Amino acid sequence: QFLDHLYPERPLSPAIVYEDNTSAIRM
């Protein structure tokens, strides 16, 4: 939200969140 409002002409792609616990990912 901060970057979108700061530079509206540069739309962000969906953020990638990395997680190493497969059970947490399933949850």
PDB file of all heavy atoms in Angstrom:
ATOM      1  N   GLN A   1       0.828  -1.202   0.000  1.00  0.00           N
ATOM      2  CA  GLN A   1       0.000   0.000   0.000  1.00  0.00           C
ATOM      3  C   GLN A   1       0.867   1.258   0.000  1.00  0.00           C
ATOM      4  O   GLN A   1       0.553   2.242  -0.677  1.00  0.00           O
ATOM      5  CB  GLN A   1      -0.920  -0.014   1.219  1.00  0.00           C
ATOM      6  CG  GLN A   1      -1.971  -1.110   1.185  1.00  0.00           C
ATOM      7  CD  GLN A   1      -2.764  -1.195   2.473  1.00  0.00           C
ATOM      8  OE1 GLN A   1      -2.379  -0.621   3.500  1.00  0.00           O
ATOM      9  NE2 GLN A   1      -3.859  -1.932   2.451  1.00  0.00           N
ATOM     10  N   PHE A   2       1.971   1.220   0.747  1.00  0.00           N
ATOM     11  CA  PHE A   2       2.872   2.371   0.800  1.00  0.00           C
ATOM     12  C   PHE A   2       3.434   2.674  -0.582  1.00  0.00           C
ATOM     13  O   PHE A   2       3.411   3.817  -1.053  1.00  0.00           O
ATOM     14  CB  PHE A   2       4.010   2.083   1.782  1.00  0.00           C
ATOM     15  CG  PHE A   2       5.000   3.210   1.904  1.00  0.00           C
ATOM     16  CD1 PHE A   2       4.776   4.259   2.776  1.00  0.00           C
ATOM     17  CD2 PHE A   2       6.155   3.224   1.140  1.00  0.00           C
ATOM     18  CE1 PHE A   2       5.683   5.313   2.891  1.00  0.00           C
ATOM     19  CE2 PHE A   2       7.076   4.265   1.238  1.00  0.00           C
ATOM     20  CZ  PHE A   2       6.831   5.303   2.122  1.00  0.00           C
ATOM     21  N   LEU A   3       3.942   1.661  -1.278  1.00  0.00           N
ATOM     22  CA  LEU A   3       4.547   1.855  -2.590  1.00  0.00           C
ATOM     23  C   LEU A   3       3.499   2.194  -3.644  1.00  0.00           C
ATOM     24  O   LEU A   3       3.756   2.990  -4.549  1.00  0.00           O
ATOM     25  CB  LEU A   3       5.333   0.611  -2.991  1.00  0.00           C
ATOM     26  CG  LEU A   3       6.591   0.339  -2.164  1.00  0.00           C
ATOM     27  CD1 LEU A   3       7.163  -1.037  -2.483  1.00  0.00           C
ATOM     28  CD2 LEU A   3       7.641   1.418  -2.401  1.00  0.00           C
ATOM     29  N   ASP A   4       2.329   1.599  -3.540  1.00  0.00           N
ATOM     30  CA  ASP A   4       1.266   1.884  -4.510  1.00  0.00           C
ATOM     31  C   ASP A   4       0.858   3.350  -4.460  1.00  0.00           C
ATOM     32  O   ASP A   4       0.610   3.980  -5.501  1.00  0.00           O
ATOM     33  CB  ASP A   4       0.051   0.992  -4.245  1.00  0.00           C
ATOM     34  CG  ASP A   4       0.236  -0.415  -4.787  1.00  0.00           C
ATOM     35  OD1 ASP A   4       1.080  -0.592  -5.682  1.00  0.00           O
ATOM     36  OD2 ASP A   4      -0.449  -1.333  -4.310  1.00  0.00           O
ATOM     37  N   HIS A   5       0.757   3.916  -3.257  1.00  0.00           N
ATOM     38  CA  HIS A   5       0.390   5.323  -3.128  1.00  0.00           C
ATOM     39  C   HIS A   5       1.552   6.244  -3.469  1.00  0.00           C
ATOM     40  O   HIS A   5       1.350   7.371  -3.926  1.00  0.00           O
ATOM     41  CB  HIS A   5      -0.096   5.620  -1.704  1.00  0.00           C
ATOM     42  CG  HIS A   5      -1.479   5.127  -1.429  1.00  0.00           C
ATOM     43  ND1 HIS A   5      -1.736   3.912  -0.841  1.00  0.00           N
ATOM     44  CD2 HIS A   5      -2.683   5.672  -1.690  1.00  0.00           C
ATOM     45  CE1 HIS A   5      -3.040   3.741  -0.740  1.00  0.00           C
ATOM     46  NE2 HIS A   5      -3.635   4.792  -1.233  1.00  0.00           N
ATOM     47  N   LEU A   6       2.772   5.769  -3.244  1.00  0.00           N
ATOM     48  CA  LEU A   6       3.943   6.591  -3.526  1.00  0.00           C
ATOM     49  C   LEU A   6       4.190   6.695  -5.024  1.00  0.00           C
ATOM     50  O   LEU A   6       4.503   7.766  -5.549  1.00  0.00           O
ATOM     51  CB  LEU A   6       5.171   6.002  -2.836  1.00  0.00           C
ATOM     52  CG  LEU A   6       6.385   6.929  -2.692  1.00  0.00           C
ATOM     53  CD1 LEU A   6       6.035   8.145  -1.847  1.00  0.00           C
ATOM     54  CD2 LEU A   6       7.548   6.167  -2.063  1.00  0.00           C
ATOM     55  N   TYR A   7       4.047   5.566  -5.733  1.00  0.00           N
ATOM     56  CA  TYR A   7       4.275   5.532  -7.174  1.00  0.00           C
ATOM     57  C   TYR A   7       3.117   4.812  -7.860  1.00  0.00           C
ATOM     58  O   TYR A   7       3.225   3.645  -8.235  1.00  0.00           O
ATOM     59  CB  TYR A   7       5.593   4.827  -7.500  1.00  0.00           C
ATOM     60  CG  TYR A   7       6.798   5.524  -6.935  1.00  0.00           C
ATOM     61  CD1 TYR A   7       7.494   4.988  -5.864  1.00  0.00           C
ATOM     62  CD2 TYR A   7       7.233   6.741  -7.469  1.00  0.00           C
ATOM     63  CE1 TYR A   7       8.608   5.632  -5.341  1.00  0.00           C
ATOM     64  CE2 TYR A   7       8.339   7.387  -6.951  1.00  0.00           C
ATOM     65  CZ  TYR A   7       9.021   6.833  -5.881  1.00  0.00           C
ATOM     66  OH  TYR A   7      10.112   7.475  -5.367  1.00  0.00           O
ATOM     67  N   PRO A   8       1.977   5.476  -8.011  1.00  0.00           N
ATOM     68  CA  PRO A   8       0.810   4.821  -8.617  1.00  0.00           C
ATOM     69  C   PRO A   8       1.041   4.408 -10.066  1.00  0.00           C
ATOM     70  O   PRO A   8       0.342   3.535 -10.575  1.00  0.00           O
ATOM     71  CB  PRO A   8      -0.282   5.898  -8.513  1.00  0.00           C
ATOM     72  CG  PRO A   8       0.461   7.191  -8.387  1.00  0.00           C
ATOM     73  CD  PRO A   8       1.707   6.863  -7.630  1.00  0.00           C
ATOM     74  N   GLU A   9       2.034   5.022 -10.729  1.00  0.00           N
ATOM     75  CA  GLU A   9       2.304   4.655 -12.125  1.00  0.00           C
ATOM     76  C   GLU A   9       3.113   3.362 -12.226  1.00  0.00           C
ATOM     77  O   GLU A   9       3.365   2.883 -13.329  1.00  0.00           O
ATOM     78  CB  GLU A   9       3.062   5.797 -12.821  1.00  0.00           C
ATOM     79  CG  GLU A   9       4.516   5.982 -12.409  1.00  0.00           C
ATOM     80  CD  GLU A   9       4.685   6.758 -11.115  1.00  0.00           C
ATOM     81  OE1 GLU A   9       3.661   7.049 -10.475  1.00  0.00           O
ATOM     82  OE2 GLU A   9       5.833   7.063 -10.751  1.00  0.00           O
ATOM     83  N   ARG A  10       3.524   2.800 -11.091  1.00  0.00           N
ATOM     84  CA  ARG A  10       4.291   1.558 -11.086  1.00  0.00           C
ATOM     85  C   ARG A  10       3.524   0.482 -10.322  1.00  0.00           C
ATOM     86  O   ARG A  10       3.821   0.194  -9.155  1.00  0.00           O
ATOM     87  CB  ARG A  10       5.658   1.752 -10.424  1.00  0.00           C
ATOM     88  CG  ARG A  10       6.548   2.768 -11.097  1.00  0.00           C
ATOM     89  CD  ARG A  10       7.839   2.895 -10.314  1.00  0.00           C
ATOM     90  NE  ARG A  10       8.686   3.958 -10.825  1.00  0.00           N
ATOM     91  CZ  ARG A  10       9.814   4.359 -10.239  1.00  0.00           C
ATOM     92  NH1 ARG A  10      10.199   3.776  -9.121  1.00  0.00           N
ATOM     93  NH2 ARG A  10      10.534   5.335 -10.771  1.00  0.00           N
ATOM     94  N   PRO A  11       2.527  -0.118 -10.936  1.00  0.00           N
ATOM     95  CA  PRO A  11       1.749  -1.146 -10.227  1.00  0.00           C
ATOM     96  C   PRO A  11       2.618  -2.336  -9.846  1.00  0.00           C
ATOM     97  O   PRO A  11       3.424  -2.819 -10.636  1.00  0.00           O
ATOM     98  CB  PRO A  11       0.676  -1.536 -11.246  1.00  0.00           C
ATOM     99  CG  PRO A  11       1.241  -1.150 -12.571  1.00  0.00           C
ATOM    100  CD  PRO A  11       2.081   0.066 -12.328  1.00  0.00           C
ATOM    101  N   LEU A  12       2.459  -2.790  -8.613  1.00  0.00           N
ATOM    102  CA  LEU A  12       3.245  -3.914  -8.116  1.00  0.00           C
ATOM    103  C   LEU A  12       2.615  -5.235  -8.503  1.00  0.00           C
ATOM    104  O   LEU A  12       1.387  -5.390  -8.472  1.00  0.00           O
ATOM    105  CB  LEU A  12       3.370  -3.842  -6.593  1.00  0.00           C
ATOM    106  CG  LEU A  12       4.217  -2.709  -6.010  1.00  0.00           C
ATOM    107  CD1 LEU A  12       4.022  -2.639  -4.501  1.00  0.00           C
ATOM    108  CD2 LEU A  12       5.677  -2.912  -6.346  1.00  0.00           C
ATOM    109  N   SER A  13       3.468  -6.209  -8.845  1.00  0.00           N
ATOM    110  CA  SER A  13       2.995  -7.571  -9.044  1.00  0.00           C
ATOM    111  C   SER A  13       2.680  -8.173  -7.675  1.00  0.00           C
ATOM    112  O   SER A  13       3.145  -7.668  -6.646  1.00  0.00           O
ATOM    113  CB  SER A  13       4.070  -8.397  -9.748  1.00  0.00           C
ATOM    114  OG  SER A  13       4.408  -7.833 -11.001  1.00  0.00           O
ATOM    115  N   PRO A  14       1.880  -9.238  -7.617  1.00  0.00           N
ATOM    116  CA  PRO A  14       1.597  -9.872  -6.322  1.00  0.00           C
ATOM    117  C   PRO A  14       2.887 -10.213  -5.582  1.00  0.00           C
ATOM    118  O   PRO A  14       3.844 -10.724  -6.176  1.00  0.00           O
ATOM    119  CB  PRO A  14       0.824 -11.128  -6.711  1.00  0.00           C
ATOM    120  CG  PRO A  14       0.178 -10.776  -8.012  1.00  0.00           C
ATOM    121  CD  PRO A  14       1.161  -9.902  -8.721  1.00  0.00           C
ATOM    122  N   ALA A  15       2.927  -9.924  -4.307  1.00  0.00           N
ATOM    123  CA  ALA A  15       4.115 -10.196  -3.505  1.00  0.00           C
ATOM    124  C   ALA A  15       4.283 -11.694  -3.296  1.00  0.00           C
ATOM    125  O   ALA A  15       3.306 -12.430  -3.131  1.00  0.00           O
ATOM    126  CB  ALA A  15       4.001  -9.496  -2.155  1.00  0.00           C
ATOM    127  N   ILE A  16       5.525 -12.154  -3.307  1.00  0.00           N
ATOM    128  CA  ILE A  16       5.829 -13.561  -3.040  1.00  0.00           C
ATOM    129  C   ILE A  16       6.265 -13.689  -1.583  1.00  0.00           C
ATOM    130  O   ILE A  16       7.192 -13.002  -1.148  1.00  0.00           O
ATOM    131  CB  ILE A  16       6.934 -14.083  -3.967  1.00  0.00           C
ATOM    132  CG1 ILE A  16       6.490 -14.008  -5.422  1.00  0.00           C
ATOM    133  CG2 ILE A  16       7.295 -15.526  -3.605  1.00  0.00           C
ATOM    134  CD1 ILE A  16       7.576 -14.413  -6.409  1.00  0.00           C
ATOM    135  N   VAL A  17       5.592 -14.544  -0.836  1.00  0.00           N
ATOM    136  CA  VAL A  17       5.961 -14.807   0.553  1.00  0.00           C
ATOM    137  C   VAL A  17       6.495 -16.227   0.634  1.00  0.00           C
ATOM    138  O   VAL A  17       5.790 -17.183   0.304  1.00  0.00           O
ATOM    139  CB  VAL A  17       4.756 -14.623   1.497  1.00  0.00           C
ATOM    140  CG1 VAL A  17       5.167 -14.923   2.938  1.00  0.00           C
ATOM    141  CG2 VAL A  17       4.192 -13.212   1.385  1.00  0.00           C
ATOM    142  N   TYR A  18       7.747 -16.368   1.067  1.00  0.00           N
ATOM    143  CA  TYR A  18       8.385 -17.678   1.169  1.00  0.00           C
ATOM    144  C   TYR A  18       8.249 -18.225   2.579  1.00  0.00           C
ATOM    145  O   TYR A  18       8.458 -17.517   3.566  1.00  0.00           O
ATOM    146  CB  TYR A  18       9.863 -17.582   0.801  1.00  0.00           C
ATOM    147  CG  TYR A  18      10.117 -17.265  -0.648  1.00  0.00           C
ATOM    148  CD1 TYR A  18      10.629 -16.029  -1.027  1.00  0.00           C
ATOM    149  CD2 TYR A  18       9.853 -18.201  -1.646  1.00  0.00           C
ATOM    150  CE1 TYR A  18      10.870 -15.731  -2.361  1.00  0.00           C
ATOM    151  CE2 TYR A  18      10.087 -17.912  -2.983  1.00  0.00           C
ATOM    152  CZ  TYR A  18      10.597 -16.677  -3.325  1.00  0.00           C
ATOM    153  OH  TYR A  18      10.828 -16.384  -4.657  1.00  0.00           O
ATOM    154  N   GLU A  19       7.898 -19.503   2.658  1.00  0.00           N
ATOM    155  CA  GLU A  19       7.709 -20.195   3.934  1.00  0.00           C
ATOM    156  C   GLU A  19       8.304 -21.597   3.794  1.00  0.00           C
ATOM    157  O   GLU A  19       8.141 -22.247   2.757  1.00  0.00           O
ATOM    158  CB  GLU A  19       6.213 -20.265   4.269  1.00  0.00           C
ATOM    159  CG  GLU A  19       5.842 -21.170   5.407  1.00  0.00           C
ATOM    160  CD  GLU A  19       6.468 -20.750   6.719  1.00  0.00           C
ATOM    161  OE1 GLU A  19       6.338 -19.576   7.107  1.00  0.00           O
ATOM    162  OE2 GLU A  19       7.102 -21.619   7.348  1.00  0.00           O
ATOM    163  N   ASP A  20       9.009 -22.065   4.831  1.00  0.00           N
ATOM    164  CA  ASP A  20       9.647 -23.385   4.734  1.00  0.00           C
ATOM    165  C   ASP A  20       8.884 -24.493   5.456  1.00  0.00           C
ATOM    166  O   ASP A  20       9.326 -25.642   5.479  1.00  0.00           O
ATOM    167  CB  ASP A  20      11.092 -23.328   5.244  1.00  0.00           C
ATOM    168  CG  ASP A  20      11.193 -22.961   6.721  1.00  0.00           C
ATOM    169  OD1 ASP A  20      10.140 -22.747   7.362  1.00  0.00           O
ATOM    170  OD2 ASP A  20      12.324 -22.879   7.225  1.00  0.00           O
ATOM    171  N   ASN A  21       7.739 -24.153   6.065  1.00  0.00           N
ATOM    172  CA  ASN A  21       6.939 -25.141   6.781  1.00  0.00           C
ATOM    173  C   ASN A  21       5.707 -25.483   5.953  1.00  0.00           C
ATOM    174  O   ASN A  21       4.808 -24.657   5.775  1.00  0.00           O
ATOM    175  CB  ASN A  21       6.536 -24.593   8.154  1.00  0.00           C
ATOM    176  CG  ASN A  21       5.838 -25.621   9.019  1.00  0.00           C
ATOM    177  OD1 ASN A  21       4.724 -26.041   8.720  1.00  0.00           O
ATOM    178  ND2 ASN A  21       6.500 -26.029  10.086  1.00  0.00           N
ATOM    179  N   THR A  22       5.653 -26.692   5.433  1.00  0.00           N
ATOM    180  CA  THR A  22       4.551 -27.089   4.546  1.00  0.00           C
ATOM    181  C   THR A  22       3.215 -27.141   5.274  1.00  0.00           C
ATOM    182  O   THR A  22       2.176 -26.847   4.674  1.00  0.00           O
ATOM    183  CB  THR A  22       4.847 -28.455   3.907  1.00  0.00           C
ATOM    184  OG1 THR A  22       5.108 -29.418   4.940  1.00  0.00           O
ATOM    185  CG2 THR A  22       6.062 -28.375   2.986  1.00  0.00           C
ATOM    186  N   SER A  23       3.226 -27.495   6.556  1.00  0.00           N
ATOM    187  CA  SER A  23       1.970 -27.524   7.309  1.00  0.00           C
ATOM    188  C   SER A  23       1.389 -26.133   7.468  1.00  0.00           C
ATOM    189  O   SER A  23       0.173 -25.935   7.365  1.00  0.00           O
ATOM    190  CB  SER A  23       2.196 -28.160   8.691  1.00  0.00           C
ATOM    191  OG  SER A  23       2.591 -29.508   8.573  1.00  0.00           O
ATOM    192  N   ALA A  24       2.250 -25.134   7.708  1.00  0.00           N
ATOM    193  CA  ALA A  24       1.782 -23.753   7.827  1.00  0.00           C
ATOM    194  C   ALA A  24       1.217 -23.267   6.500  1.00  0.00           C
ATOM    195  O   ALA A  24       0.220 -22.533   6.462  1.00  0.00           O
ATOM    196  CB  ALA A  24       2.927 -22.847   8.284  1.00  0.00           C
ATOM    197  N   ILE A  25       1.829 -23.690   5.399  1.00  0.00           N
ATOM    198  CA  ILE A  25       1.320 -23.316   4.074  1.00  0.00           C
ATOM    199  C   ILE A  25      -0.061 -23.912   3.851  1.00  0.00           C
ATOM    200  O   ILE A  25      -0.973 -23.231   3.345  1.00  0.00           O
ATOM    201  CB  ILE A  25       2.295 -23.790   2.979  1.00  0.00           C
ATOM    202  CG1 ILE A  25       3.604 -22.989   3.070  1.00  0.00           C
ATOM    203  CG2 ILE A  25       1.672 -23.622   1.593  1.00  0.00           C
ATOM    204  CD1 ILE A  25       4.662 -23.442   2.097  1.00  0.00           C
ATOM    205  N   ARG A  26      -0.253 -25.171   4.238  1.00  0.00           N
ATOM    206  CA  ARG A  26      -1.569 -25.806   4.078  1.00  0.00           C
ATOM    207  C   ARG A  26      -2.621 -25.082   4.910  1.00  0.00           C
ATOM    208  O   ARG A  26      -3.759 -24.891   4.470  1.00  0.00           O
ATOM    209  CB  ARG A  26      -1.494 -27.280   4.475  1.00  0.00           C
ATOM    210  CG  ARG A  26      -0.823 -28.170   3.441  1.00  0.00           C
ATOM    211  CD  ARG A  26      -1.138 -29.636   3.691  1.00  0.00           C
ATOM    212  NE  ARG A  26      -0.602 -30.091   4.962  1.00  0.00           N
ATOM    213  CZ  ARG A  26       0.610 -30.616   5.121  1.00  0.00           C
ATOM    214  NH1 ARG A  26       1.418 -30.724   4.072  1.00  0.00           N
ATOM    215  NH2 ARG A  26       1.017 -31.020   6.307  1.00  0.00           N
ATOM    216  N   MET A  27      -2.250 -24.673   6.138  1.00  0.00           N
ATOM    217  CA  MET A  27      -3.195 -23.931   6.975  1.00  0.00           C
ATOM    218  C   MET A  27      -3.614 -22.634   6.296  1.00  0.00           C
ATOM    219  O   MET A  27      -4.791 -22.263   6.310  1.00  0.00           O
ATOM    220  CB  MET A  27      -2.576 -23.635   8.338  1.00  0.00           C
ATOM    221  CG  MET A  27      -2.469 -24.829   9.265  1.00  0.00           C
ATOM    222  SD  MET A  27      -1.634 -24.402  10.816  1.00  0.00           S
ATOM    223  CE  MET A  27      -2.754 -23.169  11.473  1.00  0.00           C
TER     224      MET A  27
END
